[in-house]
Each structure stands twice: as C-alpha cells, then as structure tokens.
C-alpha cells in the first residue's frame, strides 16, 4: 500500500516552494483632492527607490525636478502614458549650471481621463532611513468628508453635515418621506459628495441647490440649539 501521507506531504512541500508568492506592498495613500490642497513631502534614502504612483487613471505628461545633482528619476512608461514617477538618491554629481537645494521640489503635471490636467508639487527630503510604508506614495481617487463641503445660504455658511442633519430631521418629523424623488436625489447627492466636489455631485444627482441650501439652514438651526424647525418645504 502506498504511503498516502508521505505523498500528501511531498505534494504540499513541492507546491509551497514552486508557487511564487509576493509580500504586500506598503504605501502611503493620498486622496487626489488632499494633494491639490497642500504640498506633500516625499522621503528618499540611500539604496532605496521612492515611487509616486497614480491610481486615478491620470497620466504623467510633464515634470520638473529643481535639483538633479543628487537625484535620478525614471518613469514607468513614456510621458503621456506613465503612471509612476520613481526617485533614487545618488552621490552629489556636479552639473554645470544646476542649482542645488537641501529640500528640492518636484512638479508633476498629469492628464486625467476626461482630458483635464492637474499640477502637483512634492517636496523631497533626504533621510538616512525611511520606513517600508514611505517608499510608495499612491495618489488615490478623491475622498471628502461632508464637513469639507461648504455652502452659502441666507442664514450663513453651512456644511453638508448640516444638510445631512436637516435631512434626518425632516424625515424623522415626517415632513418628507423616503419615497419622494427629491429626497432620493438629495441622498444620492450626499453619497456622491464623499467622492467628488459638491458641484460635480450636484450635477450628477440633478438636485436643485436651493433644496440643499434649505436643508443646510435647518441643520444649522438644530446645531445652534434653536427651537426645533417645523413646517419646512423643499420646493
């Protein structure tokens, strides 16, 4: 009789060593809108490559590195097709006419799938060591909080958090029902606003901005501990 345990062990051992495996890639994820709001610092260290990778579908069409005496760079494809910009520190190499900097900056221009372009700035610092999760910088799709979006109303500035509060209030007090088309539109708008600018979310959801502003005013009153709003209409 064959030793089935032996063959099972042998097969498992063979598969363990013959099937390739890869360690997870650690990264710092930056939503696109956050990167547009402020300059992000990228760290480089001797013997390591640091990469800036766009997962948003945008392609790198141009770049400018302020100090090329201590850094070399590569793209993962030709300009216009590249999604990754890679940096590596080198021994200082004198380049005629080059200006040196202790903290160089990098400007990257990208083109999005819809044809619009974005300009990003990164500051580069030279470190002795950098963590595993700092060697890959991933630019991801926009991510917003409702409190990031602001609207101006007759009662002052409100955020979409106020709009959400106002919507919850009129539903809880039965001034509106979930089945109403305008309520469905507003709920879709609030869901979309977590992923894109409010103007784009308004356009896609086809909601009237005056209804959104009215809900924001209700939420603002609730937040200010005013008497409970009542008899509000969205039309």
Protein backbone atom coordinates (compact mmCIF):
# COMPACT_ATOMS: atom_id res chain seq x y z
CA UNK A 1 0.00 0.00 0.00
CA UNK A 2 1.27 3.44 -0.90
CA UNK A 3 2.13 5.83 1.83
CA UNK A 4 -0.56 8.44 1.13
CA UNK A 5 0.62 10.63 3.99
CA UNK A 6 4.10 10.80 2.50
CA UNK A 7 2.81 11.74 -0.95
CA UNK A 8 0.47 14.35 0.52
CA UNK A 9 3.38 15.88 2.42
CA UNK A 10 5.60 15.76 -0.68
CA UNK A 11 2.95 17.42 -2.87
CA UNK A 12 2.31 20.16 -0.32
CA UNK A 13 6.05 20.78 0.04
CA UNK A 14 6.51 20.97 -3.73
CA UNK A 15 3.63 23.44 -4.11
CA UNK A 16 4.92 25.54 -1.25
CA UNK A 17 8.30 26.03 -2.90
CA UNK A 18 7.20 26.12 -6.55
CA UNK A 19 4.30 28.59 -6.35
CA UNK A 20 5.67 32.15 -6.31
CA UNK A 21 4.48 34.50 -3.65
CA UNK A 22 4.91 38.18 -3.05
CA UNK A 23 5.00 40.28 0.06
CA UNK A 24 2.39 43.02 0.37
CA UNK A 25 3.37 46.46 -0.86
CA UNK A 26 3.04 49.04 1.87
CA UNK A 27 2.22 52.56 0.83
CA UNK A 28 1.05 55.98 1.89
CA UNK A 29 -2.28 56.73 0.23
CA UNK A 30 -3.12 60.35 -0.53
CA UNK A 31 -6.53 61.26 -1.95
CA UNK A 32 -6.14 63.42 -5.04
CA UNK A 33 -8.04 66.35 -3.55
CA UNK A 34 -5.80 66.40 -0.44
CA UNK A 35 -2.72 66.53 -2.64
CA UNK A 36 -4.16 69.50 -4.53
CA UNK A 37 -4.76 71.33 -1.26
CA UNK A 38 -1.16 71.22 0.01
CA UNK A 39 2.36 70.17 -0.85
CA UNK A 40 3.30 66.64 0.19
CA UNK A 41 6.79 65.65 1.40
CA UNK A 42 8.47 62.64 -0.22
CA UNK A 43 11.40 60.97 1.51
CA UNK A 44 14.35 59.32 -0.23
CA UNK A 45 17.13 57.27 1.36
CA UNK A 46 20.41 55.74 0.11
CA UNK A 47 19.96 52.44 -1.69
CA UNK A 48 16.16 52.73 -1.89
CA UNK A 49 13.78 53.82 -4.62
CA UNK A 50 10.81 56.00 -3.76
CA UNK A 51 7.85 55.91 -6.14
CA UNK A 52 4.88 58.23 -6.69
CA UNK A 53 2.11 56.18 -8.28
CA UNK A 54 -1.21 57.47 -9.64
CA UNK A 55 -4.12 55.05 -9.29
CA UNK A 56 -6.61 57.64 -10.53
CA UNK A 57 -6.25 56.92 -14.25
CA UNK A 58 -4.24 60.09 -14.84
CA UNK A 59 -1.02 60.00 -16.86
CA UNK A 60 2.17 61.96 -16.23
CA UNK A 61 2.67 64.33 -19.14
CA UNK A 62 5.42 66.57 -17.77
CA UNK A 63 7.67 67.03 -14.75
CA UNK A 64 10.38 69.32 -13.41
CA UNK A 65 12.84 68.45 -10.65
CA UNK A 66 14.51 71.51 -9.12
CA UNK A 67 17.82 69.82 -8.19
CA UNK A 68 19.13 66.94 -10.30
CA UNK A 69 22.62 66.86 -8.75
CA UNK A 70 21.61 64.35 -6.03
CA UNK A 71 18.69 62.52 -7.61
CA UNK A 72 17.98 60.40 -10.66
CA UNK A 73 14.46 59.70 -11.83
CA UNK A 74 12.55 57.35 -14.09
CA UNK A 75 9.04 56.91 -15.41
CA UNK A 76 7.40 53.53 -15.87
CA UNK A 77 6.46 54.50 -19.44
CA UNK A 78 6.78 57.34 -21.91
CA UNK A 79 5.43 60.77 -21.00
CA UNK A 80 1.71 60.78 -21.63
CA UNK A 81 1.42 57.09 -20.71
CA UNK A 82 3.30 56.91 -17.40
CA UNK A 83 1.52 56.42 -14.09
CA UNK A 84 4.58 56.14 -11.82
CA UNK A 85 7.47 58.54 -11.12
CA UNK A 86 10.49 56.99 -9.38
CA UNK A 87 13.28 58.73 -7.47
CA UNK A 88 16.64 57.48 -6.27
CA UNK A 89 19.34 59.29 -4.33
CA UNK A 90 22.89 59.36 -5.75
CA UNK A 91 26.21 60.80 -4.67
CA UNK A 92 26.24 64.52 -5.46
CA UNK A 93 27.22 64.95 -9.09
CA UNK A 94 28.18 68.46 -10.21
CA UNK A 95 26.10 69.57 -13.15
CA UNK A 96 27.08 72.80 -14.88
CA UNK A 97 24.50 75.48 -14.26
CA UNK A 98 22.46 73.38 -11.82
CA UNK A 99 21.11 74.94 -8.65
CA UNK A 100 21.38 72.85 -5.52
CA UNK A 101 18.84 72.65 -2.75
CA UNK A 102 18.68 70.89 0.61
CA UNK A 103 14.95 70.35 0.04
CA UNK A 104 14.31 70.13 -3.72
CA UNK A 105 10.81 70.29 -5.09
CA UNK A 106 9.20 68.26 -7.84
CA UNK A 107 6.39 69.48 -10.07
CA UNK A 108 4.30 66.85 -11.84
CA UNK A 109 1.70 67.60 -14.48
CA UNK A 110 -0.85 64.91 -15.22
CA UNK A 111 -3.77 64.46 -17.58
CA UNK A 112 -6.96 62.83 -16.33
CA UNK A 113 -9.10 60.51 -18.46
CA UNK A 114 -11.52 63.37 -19.17
CA UNK A 115 -8.68 65.46 -20.62
CA UNK A 116 -8.27 67.93 -17.75
CA UNK A 117 -4.81 68.49 -16.31
CA UNK A 118 -3.56 68.72 -12.74
CA UNK A 119 -0.36 70.19 -11.33
CA UNK A 120 1.07 68.68 -8.14
CA UNK A 121 4.02 69.77 -6.03
CA UNK A 122 6.14 67.48 -3.86
CA UNK A 123 8.99 68.43 -1.52
CA UNK A 124 11.87 65.95 -1.33
CA UNK A 125 13.85 65.32 1.84
CA UNK A 126 16.98 63.19 2.18
CA UNK A 127 16.85 60.69 5.05
CA UNK A 128 19.24 58.04 6.34
CA UNK A 129 16.43 55.51 6.62
CA UNK A 130 12.78 55.50 5.64
CA UNK A 131 10.02 53.11 6.62
CA UNK A 132 8.61 50.47 4.30
CA UNK A 133 5.32 52.30 4.08
CA UNK A 134 7.01 55.53 2.96
CA UNK A 135 8.65 54.21 -0.21
CA UNK A 136 5.46 54.08 -2.29
CA UNK A 137 3.24 57.16 -2.43
CA UNK A 138 -0.12 56.33 -4.02
CA UNK A 139 -2.35 59.10 -5.30
CA UNK A 140 -5.87 57.72 -4.98
CA UNK A 141 -9.32 58.87 -6.03
CA UNK A 142 -10.70 61.91 -4.19
CA UNK A 143 -12.05 61.38 -0.71
CA UNK A 144 -14.11 64.03 1.06
CA UNK A 145 -15.83 64.44 4.37
CA UNK A 146 -19.24 66.09 4.35
CA UNK A 147 -17.75 68.78 6.59
CA UNK A 148 -15.28 69.65 3.81
CA UNK A 149 -18.02 70.98 1.54
CA UNK A 150 -19.37 74.44 2.26
CA UNK A 151 -22.43 76.30 1.01
CA UNK A 152 -23.55 79.88 1.47
CA UNK A 153 -27.18 80.42 2.48
CA UNK A 154 -29.30 83.32 3.68
CA UNK A 155 -28.58 82.19 7.26
CA UNK A 156 -24.81 81.92 6.80
CA UNK A 157 -22.26 79.30 5.79
CA UNK A 158 -23.26 75.66 6.19
CA UNK A 159 -21.55 72.35 5.50
CA UNK A 160 -23.01 69.16 4.10
CA UNK A 161 -23.01 67.83 7.66
CA UNK A 162 -25.71 70.45 8.28
CA UNK A 163 -27.53 69.27 5.17
CA UNK A 164 -27.43 65.67 6.45
CA UNK A 165 -28.76 66.81 9.83
CA UNK A 166 -31.55 68.76 8.16
CA UNK A 167 -32.49 65.78 6.01
CA UNK A 168 -32.59 63.48 9.04
CA UNK A 169 -34.80 66.00 10.86
CA UNK A 170 -37.47 66.36 8.19
CA UNK A 171 -37.61 62.58 7.75
CA UNK A 172 -37.84 61.96 11.49
CA UNK A 173 -40.62 64.55 11.85
CA UNK A 174 -42.43 63.12 8.80
CA UNK A 175 -42.24 66.38 6.88
CA UNK A 176 -40.96 64.30 3.98
CA UNK A 177 -40.79 60.60 3.10
CA UNK A 178 -38.01 58.45 1.69
CA UNK A 179 -40.09 57.75 -1.41
CA UNK A 180 -40.18 61.35 -2.62
CA UNK A 181 -37.99 61.88 -5.72
CA UNK A 182 -36.33 64.97 -4.28
CA UNK A 183 -35.34 63.06 -1.14
CA UNK A 184 -33.82 60.32 -3.29
CA UNK A 185 -31.88 62.94 -5.23
CA UNK A 186 -30.56 64.57 -2.07
CA UNK A 187 -29.50 61.22 -0.62
CA UNK A 188 -27.66 60.41 -3.84
CA UNK A 189 -26.02 63.83 -3.77
CA UNK A 190 -24.76 63.31 -0.20
CA UNK A 191 -23.37 59.88 -1.10
CA UNK A 192 -21.55 61.26 -4.15
CA UNK A 193 -20.16 64.19 -2.16
CA UNK A 194 -17.89 61.74 -0.32
CA UNK A 195 -16.03 61.12 -3.58
CA UNK A 196 -16.06 64.35 -5.56
CA UNK A 197 -16.50 68.14 -5.44
CA UNK A 198 -20.02 69.22 -4.50
CA UNK A 199 -20.56 70.90 -7.88
CA UNK A 200 -20.00 67.60 -9.65
CA UNK A 201 -22.21 65.74 -7.16
CA UNK A 202 -24.99 68.29 -7.72
CA UNK A 203 -24.72 67.87 -11.48
CA UNK A 204 -24.86 64.07 -11.39
CA UNK A 205 -27.71 63.85 -8.87
CA UNK A 206 -29.62 66.63 -10.68
CA UNK A 207 -30.76 68.07 -7.37
CA UNK A 208 -31.79 71.71 -7.00
CA UNK A 209 -29.16 73.52 -4.94
CA UNK A 210 -31.87 75.62 -3.24
CA UNK A 211 -33.28 72.43 -1.65
CA UNK A 212 -29.81 71.53 -0.39
CA UNK A 213 -29.31 75.02 1.00
CA UNK A 214 -32.70 74.84 2.77
CA UNK A 215 -31.74 71.60 4.47
CA UNK A 216 -28.43 73.15 5.45
CA UNK A 217 -30.26 76.02 7.13
CA UNK A 218 -32.40 73.52 9.07
CA UNK A 219 -29.29 71.66 10.19
CA UNK A 220 -27.61 74.92 11.19
CA UNK A 221 -30.59 75.89 13.35
CA UNK A 222 -30.57 72.48 15.01
CA UNK A 223 -26.85 72.79 15.65
CA UNK A 224 -27.31 76.19 17.28
CA UNK A 225 -29.89 74.75 19.70
CA UNK A 226 -32.60 76.94 18.20
CA UNK A 227 -36.24 75.99 18.61
CA UNK A 228 -36.94 72.88 16.59
CA UNK A 229 -37.63 73.85 12.96
CA UNK A 230 -41.03 72.91 11.62
CA UNK A 231 -43.17 73.24 8.51
CA UNK A 232 -40.26 73.45 6.09
CA UNK A 233 -40.69 72.79 2.40
CA UNK A 234 -38.00 71.88 -0.10
CA UNK A 235 -39.80 73.11 -3.19
